[in-house]
Protein backbone atom coordinates (compact mmCIF):
# COMPACT_ATOMS: atom_id res chain seq x y z
CA LEU A 1 -24.32 -46.92 26.16
CA SER A 2 -27.53 -45.45 24.70
CA PRO A 3 -29.28 -48.80 24.04
CA LEU A 4 -28.73 -50.03 27.63
CA THR A 5 -32.04 -48.63 28.83
CA ALA A 6 -32.34 -51.09 31.75
CA LEU A 7 -29.00 -50.00 33.22
CA THR A 8 -29.33 -48.84 36.84
CA SER A 9 -25.74 -48.02 37.85
CA LEU A 10 -23.02 -46.32 35.79
CA TYR A 11 -19.60 -45.21 37.00
CA LEU A 12 -17.75 -42.80 34.70
CA SER A 13 -15.49 -40.99 37.16
CA ASP A 14 -12.00 -39.92 36.03
CA THR A 15 -12.81 -40.50 32.34
CA PRO A 16 -12.38 -37.85 29.59
CA ILE A 17 -16.07 -37.84 28.56
CA THR A 18 -17.51 -34.44 27.57
CA ASP A 19 -21.07 -35.14 26.35
CA LEU A 20 -23.99 -36.49 28.40
CA ALA A 21 -26.52 -36.52 25.55
CA PRO A 22 -26.10 -40.28 24.86
CA LEU A 23 -27.24 -41.02 28.43
CA SER A 24 -30.68 -39.38 27.99
CA PRO A 25 -32.45 -42.71 27.20
CA LEU A 26 -31.08 -44.37 30.38
CA THR A 27 -34.05 -43.42 32.54
CA ALA A 28 -33.61 -46.45 34.82
CA LEU A 29 -30.38 -45.06 36.28
CA THR A 30 -30.43 -44.69 40.04
CA THR A 31 -26.64 -44.30 40.39
CA LEU A 32 -24.46 -42.13 38.15
CA ASP A 33 -20.91 -41.20 39.05
CA LEU A 34 -19.56 -38.27 36.99
CA ARG A 35 -16.82 -37.13 39.37
CA PHE A 36 -13.74 -35.54 37.76
CA THR A 37 -15.02 -35.88 34.21
CA ARG A 38 -14.94 -33.09 31.62
CA ILE A 39 -18.69 -32.54 31.50
CA SER A 40 -19.51 -28.83 31.18
CA ASP A 41 -23.15 -29.14 30.05
CA PRO A 42 -25.34 -31.15 32.48
CA ARG A 43 -28.67 -30.28 30.82
CA PRO A 44 -29.45 -33.91 29.78
CA LEU A 45 -29.46 -35.00 33.44
CA PRO A 46 -33.03 -33.97 34.45
CA ALA A 47 -34.34 -36.62 32.03
CA LEU A 48 -32.91 -39.21 34.45
CA THR A 49 -35.65 -38.63 37.02
CA LYS A 50 -34.89 -41.65 39.23
CA LEU A 51 -31.63 -40.02 40.28
CA ALA A 52 -33.80 -37.48 42.11
CA THR A 53 -36.78 -39.63 43.13
CA SER A 54 -35.22 -42.98 44.09
CA PRO A 55 -31.41 -42.78 44.11
CA ARG A 56 -29.34 -45.75 45.28
CA PHE A 57 -25.95 -45.66 46.98
CA ASP A 58 -24.52 -42.16 46.31
CA GLY A 59 -27.02 -41.40 43.51
CA LEU A 60 -25.76 -38.64 41.23
CA THR A 61 -22.24 -37.44 42.04
CA PHE A 62 -20.38 -34.77 40.09
CA ASN A 63 -17.59 -33.28 42.24
CA GLY A 64 -14.67 -31.96 40.20
CA THR A 65 -16.62 -31.43 36.97
CA PRO A 66 -16.49 -28.09 35.12
CA PHE A 67 -20.25 -27.56 35.58
CA ALA A 68 -19.95 -27.83 39.37
CA ALA A 69 -17.92 -24.60 39.47
CA PRO A 70 -20.37 -21.84 38.30
CA PRO A 71 -22.00 -19.84 41.13
CA GLU A 72 -25.49 -21.17 40.35
CA PHE A 73 -24.30 -24.71 41.14
CA ALA A 74 -21.84 -23.87 43.93
CA GLY A 75 -22.22 -26.16 46.90
CA ILE A 76 -24.78 -28.49 45.31
CA ALA A 77 -22.18 -31.21 44.70
CA GLU A 78 -21.38 -31.20 48.43
CA ILE A 79 -24.96 -31.92 49.60
CA GLU A 80 -24.90 -35.23 51.45
CA ASP A 81 -28.42 -36.48 50.73
CA PRO A 82 -28.41 -38.00 47.18
CA ALA A 83 -32.08 -37.19 46.45
CA GLU A 84 -31.77 -33.57 47.59
CA ARG A 85 -28.51 -33.18 45.66
CA ALA A 86 -30.10 -34.29 42.40
CA GLN A 87 -33.30 -32.31 43.02
CA ARG A 88 -31.36 -29.12 43.72
CA LEU A 89 -29.26 -29.61 40.58
CA PHE A 90 -32.29 -30.30 38.37
CA ALA A 91 -34.05 -27.19 39.71
CA ALA A 92 -30.97 -25.06 39.03
CA LEU A 93 -30.82 -26.37 35.45
CA GLU A 94 -34.27 -25.02 34.52
CA GLY A 95 -33.65 -22.38 31.86
CA TRP A 96 -29.87 -22.54 32.38
CA VAL A 97 -27.58 -22.12 29.36
CA PRO A 98 -23.82 -22.82 29.57
CA GLU A 99 -21.65 -19.73 29.28
CA GLY A 100 -20.30 -19.35 25.76
CA LEU A 101 -22.77 -21.85 24.27
CA VAL A 102 -23.60 -20.97 20.68
CA ILE A 103 -27.29 -21.56 19.95
CA ALA A 104 -28.59 -22.26 16.44
CA PRO A 105 -30.92 -19.59 15.04
CA ASP A 106 -34.61 -20.40 14.75
CA ALA A 107 -35.92 -22.10 11.63
CA ASP A 108 -37.71 -19.96 9.06
CA THR A 109 -40.75 -21.18 7.15
CA LEU A 110 -40.08 -18.88 4.17
CA LEU A 111 -37.84 -20.35 1.46
CA PRO A 112 -36.06 -22.98 3.59
CA SER A 113 -33.18 -24.95 2.08
CA ALA A 114 -32.38 -28.65 2.18
CA LEU A 115 -29.55 -30.94 1.06
CA ILE A 116 -31.08 -33.02 -1.75
CA ASN A 117 -29.05 -35.49 -3.82
CA GLY A 118 -25.80 -33.79 -2.87
CA GLN A 119 -27.03 -30.29 -3.76
CA LEU A 120 -28.13 -27.27 -1.75
CA GLU A 121 -31.73 -26.85 -2.85
CA LEU A 122 -34.87 -24.94 -1.93
CA GLU A 123 -37.54 -27.11 -0.38
CA ALA A 124 -40.63 -27.45 -2.53
CA ASP A 125 -43.66 -25.27 -1.73
CA PRO A 126 -46.48 -26.86 -3.79
CA PRO A 127 -50.18 -26.35 -3.03
CA SER A 128 -51.31 -27.79 0.28
CA GLU A 129 -53.76 -30.67 0.43
CA ALA A 130 -56.60 -28.21 1.10
CA GLU A 131 -55.53 -26.06 -1.86
CA ARG A 132 -55.42 -29.10 -4.11
CA GLU A 133 -59.08 -29.73 -3.35
CA GLU A 134 -60.09 -26.12 -4.00
CA ARG A 135 -61.88 -26.03 -7.35
CA LEU A 136 -61.45 -22.26 -7.83
CA LYS A 137 -57.66 -22.49 -7.69
CA ARG A 138 -57.66 -25.31 -10.21
CA LEU A 139 -59.91 -23.27 -12.48
CA LEU A 140 -57.65 -20.21 -12.23
CA HIS A 141 -54.63 -22.42 -12.94
CA SER A 142 -56.32 -23.77 -16.06
CA GLN A 143 -57.20 -20.25 -17.24
CA LEU A 144 -53.69 -18.94 -16.62
CA GLN A 145 -52.29 -21.77 -18.74
CA GLU A 146 -54.07 -20.07 -21.64
CA LYS A 147 -53.69 -16.41 -20.63
CA ALA A 148 -49.93 -16.35 -19.91
CA PRO A 149 -48.85 -17.66 -23.35
CA ALA A 150 -51.40 -15.30 -24.94
CA LEU A 151 -49.75 -12.35 -23.18
CA GLU A 152 -46.35 -13.48 -24.41
CA ARG A 153 -47.63 -13.57 -27.99
CA GLN A 154 -49.28 -10.14 -27.69
CA ALA A 155 -46.15 -8.53 -26.22
CA GLY A 156 -44.02 -10.05 -29.00
CA ASN A 157 -41.02 -8.01 -30.15
CA ILE A 158 -42.57 -4.63 -29.31
CA TYR A 159 -42.29 -5.15 -25.55
CA PRO A 160 -39.43 -7.69 -25.19
CA ARG A 161 -39.06 -7.44 -21.39
CA LEU A 162 -42.78 -7.95 -20.87
CA ALA A 163 -42.67 -10.88 -23.30
CA SER A 164 -39.74 -12.38 -21.39
CA LYS A 165 -41.59 -12.08 -18.07
CA SER A 166 -44.71 -13.58 -19.62
CA ARG A 167 -42.68 -16.54 -20.84
CA ILE A 168 -41.40 -17.18 -17.31
CA VAL A 169 -44.96 -17.13 -15.95
CA ALA A 170 -46.12 -19.41 -18.76
CA ASP A 171 -43.36 -21.92 -17.92
CA LEU A 172 -44.24 -21.85 -14.21
CA ILE A 173 -47.96 -22.25 -14.92
CA ALA A 174 -47.41 -25.08 -17.42
CA LYS A 175 -46.67 -27.55 -14.61
CA PRO A 176 -49.38 -29.81 -13.17
CA PHE A 177 -51.34 -28.12 -10.38
CA GLU A 178 -49.81 -30.37 -7.68
CA GLU A 179 -46.28 -29.29 -8.70
CA LEU A 180 -46.82 -25.53 -8.89
CA ASP A 181 -44.19 -23.30 -7.29
CA LEU A 182 -46.62 -20.81 -5.76
CA VAL A 183 -44.04 -18.45 -4.22
CA SER A 184 -42.28 -18.06 -7.58
CA ILE A 185 -45.60 -17.53 -9.37
CA HIS A 186 -46.58 -14.91 -6.79
CA LEU A 187 -43.31 -13.00 -7.31
CA GLU A 188 -43.75 -12.99 -11.08
CA ILE A 189 -47.41 -11.89 -10.89
CA GLU A 190 -46.40 -9.04 -8.57
CA ASP A 191 -43.78 -8.02 -11.12
CA LEU A 192 -46.34 -8.07 -13.94
CA THR A 193 -48.67 -5.97 -11.77
CA ALA A 194 -45.94 -3.33 -11.35
CA ARG A 195 -45.45 -3.28 -15.13
CA ALA A 196 -49.20 -2.92 -15.68
CA ASN A 197 -49.29 0.06 -13.31
CA ARG A 198 -46.52 1.75 -15.32
CA GLY A 199 -48.15 0.83 -18.63
CA ILE A 200 -45.02 1.64 -20.60
CA GLU A 201 -41.78 0.01 -21.76
CA ASP A 202 -38.85 1.97 -23.20
CA GLY A 203 -41.08 4.97 -23.77
CA VAL A 204 -43.68 2.97 -25.71
CA ARG A 205 -47.10 2.68 -24.06
CA TYR A 206 -48.74 -0.71 -23.98
CA SER A 207 -51.28 -1.17 -26.73
CA GLU A 208 -54.87 -1.86 -25.77
CA ASP A 209 -54.53 -5.52 -26.76
CA VAL A 210 -51.39 -5.95 -24.62
CA ALA A 211 -52.90 -4.09 -21.66
CA ASN A 212 -56.00 -6.31 -21.81
CA ALA A 213 -53.90 -9.49 -22.05
CA LEU A 214 -51.82 -8.30 -19.09
CA ASP A 215 -54.96 -7.65 -17.04
CA ASP A 216 -56.19 -11.16 -17.86
CA VAL A 217 -53.09 -12.58 -16.16
CA ILE A 218 -52.71 -10.29 -13.15
CA ASN A 219 -56.42 -10.50 -12.30
CA ARG A 220 -56.22 -14.29 -11.99
CA GLY A 221 -52.77 -14.72 -10.45
CA PRO A 222 -53.53 -13.57 -6.88
CA GLY A 223 -56.52 -15.90 -6.63
CA LEU A 224 -54.19 -18.79 -7.36
CA THR A 225 -51.34 -17.87 -4.99
CA LEU A 226 -52.87 -15.97 -2.06
CA GLY A 227 -53.85 -18.15 0.86
CA HIS A 228 -50.79 -20.36 0.38
CA ALA A 229 -48.82 -20.47 3.64
CA GLU A 230 -45.43 -19.34 2.29
CA VAL A 231 -46.97 -16.68 0.07
CA GLU A 232 -48.85 -15.25 3.05
CA VAL A 233 -45.61 -15.13 5.09
CA LEU A 234 -43.87 -13.33 2.22
CA VAL A 235 -46.71 -10.81 1.81
CA ALA A 236 -46.77 -10.08 5.55
CA ARG A 237 -43.02 -9.49 5.66
CA VAL A 238 -43.06 -7.24 2.62
CA ASN A 239 -45.86 -5.15 4.13
CA LYS A 240 -43.96 -4.92 7.41
CA ALA A 241 -40.77 -3.92 5.60
CA ARG A 242 -42.65 -1.16 3.75
CA GLN A 243 -43.84 0.24 7.07
CA ASN A 244 -40.40 -0.06 8.69
CA PRO A 245 -37.88 0.31 5.85
CA THR A 246 -34.25 -0.61 6.45
CA ALA A 247 -31.23 0.30 4.39
CA PRO A 248 -30.15 -2.40 1.92
CA ASP A 249 -27.04 -4.40 2.72
CA PRO A 250 -24.18 -1.98 1.94
CA SER A 251 -21.57 -4.71 1.51
CA HIS A 252 -23.39 -6.31 -1.44
CA ALA A 253 -22.70 -9.65 0.22
CA HIS A 254 -26.13 -11.03 -0.72
CA ALA A 255 -25.61 -10.09 -4.37
CA ALA A 256 -22.19 -11.77 -4.39
CA LEU A 257 -23.62 -14.92 -2.82
CA SER A 258 -26.48 -14.95 -5.34
CA GLU A 259 -24.03 -14.81 -8.23
CA GLN A 260 -22.03 -17.66 -6.74
CA ILE A 261 -25.16 -19.79 -6.34
CA ILE A 262 -26.30 -19.13 -9.91
CA LYS A 263 -22.83 -19.90 -11.28
CA ASP A 264 -22.33 -23.17 -9.40
CA SER A 265 -24.80 -25.65 -10.86
CA ASP A 266 -23.00 -28.64 -9.34
CA ALA A 267 -23.60 -27.63 -5.73
CA ASN A 268 -26.89 -25.74 -6.06
CA GLY A 269 -30.14 -27.30 -7.23
CA PRO A 270 -32.14 -26.00 -10.20
CA ARG A 271 -34.94 -24.54 -8.08
CA SER A 272 -32.50 -22.67 -5.88
CA ARG A 273 -30.65 -21.18 -8.84
CA ALA A 274 -33.90 -20.33 -10.66
CA MET A 275 -35.14 -18.49 -7.57
CA GLU A 276 -31.90 -16.49 -7.37
CA GLN A 277 -32.26 -15.47 -11.02
CA ARG A 278 -35.93 -14.66 -10.48
CA LEU A 279 -35.16 -12.46 -7.50
CA GLN A 280 -32.51 -10.55 -9.42
CA SER A 281 -35.19 -9.34 -11.83
CA VAL A 282 -37.82 -8.43 -9.22
CA GLU A 283 -38.50 -4.72 -9.68
CA ASP A 284 -39.90 -4.06 -6.20
CA PRO A 285 -36.73 -3.51 -4.07
CA VAL A 286 -38.58 -4.21 -0.81
CA ALA A 287 -40.00 -7.54 -1.99
CA GLN A 288 -36.63 -8.42 -3.49
CA GLN A 289 -34.74 -7.72 -0.27
CA VAL A 290 -37.23 -9.62 1.90
CA ALA A 291 -37.15 -12.71 -0.32
CA VAL A 292 -33.36 -12.71 -0.81
CA GLU A 293 -32.74 -12.37 2.92
CA ALA A 294 -35.19 -15.20 3.67
CA LYS A 295 -33.63 -17.52 1.09
CA HIS A 296 -30.06 -16.88 2.21
CA TYR A 297 -31.05 -17.23 5.87
CA GLY A 298 -32.40 -20.71 5.14
CA LEU A 299 -29.23 -21.59 3.22
CA LEU A 300 -26.89 -20.45 6.01
CA ARG A 301 -28.92 -22.26 8.65
CA LEU A 302 -28.80 -25.49 6.62
CA ILE A 303 -25.02 -25.22 6.17
CA GLY A 304 -24.61 -24.57 9.88
CA GLN A 305 -26.81 -27.54 10.79
CA ILE A 306 -24.79 -29.86 8.56
CA ALA A 307 -21.50 -28.60 9.97
CA SER A 308 -22.80 -28.79 13.53
CA ALA A 309 -23.97 -32.38 13.12
CA HIS A 310 -20.62 -33.50 11.73
CA GLY A 311 -18.29 -31.17 13.61
CA PRO A 312 -16.65 -33.89 15.77
CA ALA A 313 -15.74 -35.97 12.71
CA ILE A 314 -14.24 -32.91 11.02
CA ALA A 315 -12.29 -32.07 14.16
CA ARG A 316 -10.90 -35.62 14.20
CA GLY A 317 -9.94 -35.18 10.56
CA VAL A 318 -8.06 -32.00 11.40
CA ALA A 319 -6.15 -33.89 14.09
CA VAL A 320 -5.32 -36.68 11.65
CA THR A 321 -3.84 -34.13 9.25
CA ALA A 322 -1.08 -33.43 11.75
CA VAL A 323 0.25 -36.94 11.13
CA GLY A 324 -0.13 -36.87 7.38
CA GLY A 325 -3.83 -37.46 6.68
CA PHE A 326 -6.24 -35.23 4.74
CA ALA A 327 -8.74 -33.44 6.96
CA GLY A 328 -10.48 -32.13 3.89
CA LYS A 329 -11.33 -35.69 2.84
CA VAL A 330 -13.43 -36.03 5.99
CA ALA A 331 -15.33 -32.88 5.07
CA TYR A 332 -15.74 -33.97 1.45
CA ASP A 333 -17.02 -37.40 2.49
CA LEU A 334 -19.57 -35.89 4.87
CA PHE A 335 -20.87 -33.05 2.70
CA GLY A 336 -20.11 -34.21 -0.81
CA PRO A 337 -17.47 -32.76 -3.13
CA SER A 338 -19.78 -30.32 -4.93
CA VAL A 339 -21.08 -28.62 -1.79
CA ALA A 340 -17.61 -28.69 -0.20
CA ASN A 341 -16.12 -26.88 -3.20
CA PHE A 342 -18.99 -24.38 -3.20
CA LEU A 343 -18.43 -23.57 0.46
CA ARG A 344 -14.73 -23.16 -0.06
CA GLU A 345 -15.34 -20.72 -2.93
CA SER A 346 -18.13 -18.79 -1.22
CA GLY A 347 -16.78 -18.84 2.35
CA PRO A 348 -16.13 -15.07 2.52
CA PHE A 349 -19.62 -14.30 1.15
CA LEU A 350 -21.24 -16.64 3.67
CA ILE A 351 -19.61 -14.92 6.62
CA GLU A 352 -20.49 -11.46 5.25
CA VAL A 353 -24.09 -12.49 4.68
CA ALA A 354 -24.27 -13.99 8.18
CA LEU A 355 -23.24 -10.61 9.62
CA THR A 356 -26.28 -8.97 7.98
CA TYR A 357 -28.50 -11.06 10.30
CA GLY A 358 -26.69 -9.85 13.42
CA PRO A 359 -23.95 -11.17 15.69
CA SER A 360 -25.93 -14.22 16.86
CA MET A 361 -26.18 -15.77 13.40
CA ALA A 362 -22.60 -14.82 12.52
CA GLY A 363 -21.25 -16.18 15.81
CA TRP A 364 -23.14 -19.45 15.49
CA LEU A 365 -22.15 -19.99 11.86
CA GLY A 366 -18.51 -19.17 12.55
CA ALA A 367 -18.43 -21.56 15.50
CA VAL A 368 -19.97 -24.56 13.75
CA VAL A 369 -18.51 -24.06 10.26
CA GLY A 370 -15.04 -23.09 11.52
CA PRO A 371 -13.69 -26.68 11.74
CA PHE A 372 -14.99 -27.35 8.22
CA PHE A 373 -13.22 -24.33 6.70
CA LEU A 374 -10.12 -25.22 8.69
CA ALA A 375 -10.23 -28.72 7.25
CA LEU A 376 -10.51 -27.39 3.72
CA GLY A 377 -7.74 -24.91 4.33
CA ILE A 378 -5.42 -27.57 5.68
CA GLU A 379 -6.12 -29.80 2.71
CA ALA A 380 -5.42 -26.96 0.29
CA ALA A 381 -2.11 -26.28 2.02
CA VAL A 382 -1.13 -29.95 1.85
CA VAL A 383 -2.02 -30.21 -1.83
CA LYS A 384 -0.03 -27.05 -2.56
CA HIS A 385 2.92 -28.52 -0.64
CA LEU A 386 2.71 -31.77 -2.63
CA ASP A 387 2.52 -29.79 -5.87
CA ARG A 388 5.70 -27.97 -4.94
CA LYS A 389 7.43 -31.28 -4.19
CA GLU A 390 6.40 -32.71 -7.57
CA LYS A 391 7.62 -29.58 -9.36
CA ALA A 392 10.91 -29.78 -7.44
CA LYS A 393 11.43 -33.31 -8.78
CA THR A 394 10.76 -32.18 -12.34
CA PHE A 395 12.63 -28.90 -12.14
CA PRO A 396 15.39 -29.33 -9.51
CA PRO A 397 17.11 -26.17 -8.23
CA GLY A 398 19.69 -24.81 -10.70
């Protein structure tokens, strides 16, 4: 129905429809009969303004629908004047949320995830257009391309952990300016700064040459990364967390999820896995916790969005299973086999991690991902059943 934007009258009474969203474009409607349908969420209706300003015949009718029952709408369906009926309903819908509706958590600008080429991946955070035109940042980038490898050479075998960190920075800096991963560079520079403040590794103090080479890097790094939008968000959150410290996640769910992400290279993109490995070695526990929680929040929200968008198809797949189909195939087709397998393996970690963000995130994720996990579970049970049947043929009882 959505393309029929010139439609003026639509009669849907006594049909099993449940979703009004497809009618939102039909702004020419002056008559809409929804009586005795299964509509429980009427929020798309106010977009159909002519039902309130110039209704024809009975205008908008909705007796016998689930949404006509709540106290806030009681009696509105019985109003005789079509214009007043629609106007009263539209006014009552302002700010109204259906009882039991699960609302997706807000998006987060720090370390958001995306589904790219069938993998769960961190979205890129390269320099902005303004930063690309800033000559000082390009100069600092050029200098760091020399200073980071020099630090690695100076650290050598005497300070292996410092040398290893320097190598990571050198690899990050080696990319063209337009492709720099500024959040990752910022985290590594912060880590080098903490090492410089200690000035010692395994009881051996940094030599003067190493200390000078280290200063060359950490004095240039902030000029390159600070001012970048995501870096500024990270810095602000770390500072806030220092002022209002919270206990780390006692269930170790984030650590378990990180290990699963690093291990599964089929489902998780290289940047996502590299960030997880990078965060594991961050020495500042506050910065580490802030960044890990932001990254996993973005991952859970992405998974929930995917599941939410395709939930009806998964639900249909579950129903098909009852007559011999494979619900899991629906899920695999929609999300790809690699991500589907990853979610099946990491399901318990995902729910545990969701709980660390509070009941709203956990409730939303459970609601939208539930059909997907059910589909996978049903498929696993069917496969196991078929395996038993095949074994029974090969090894009959007795």
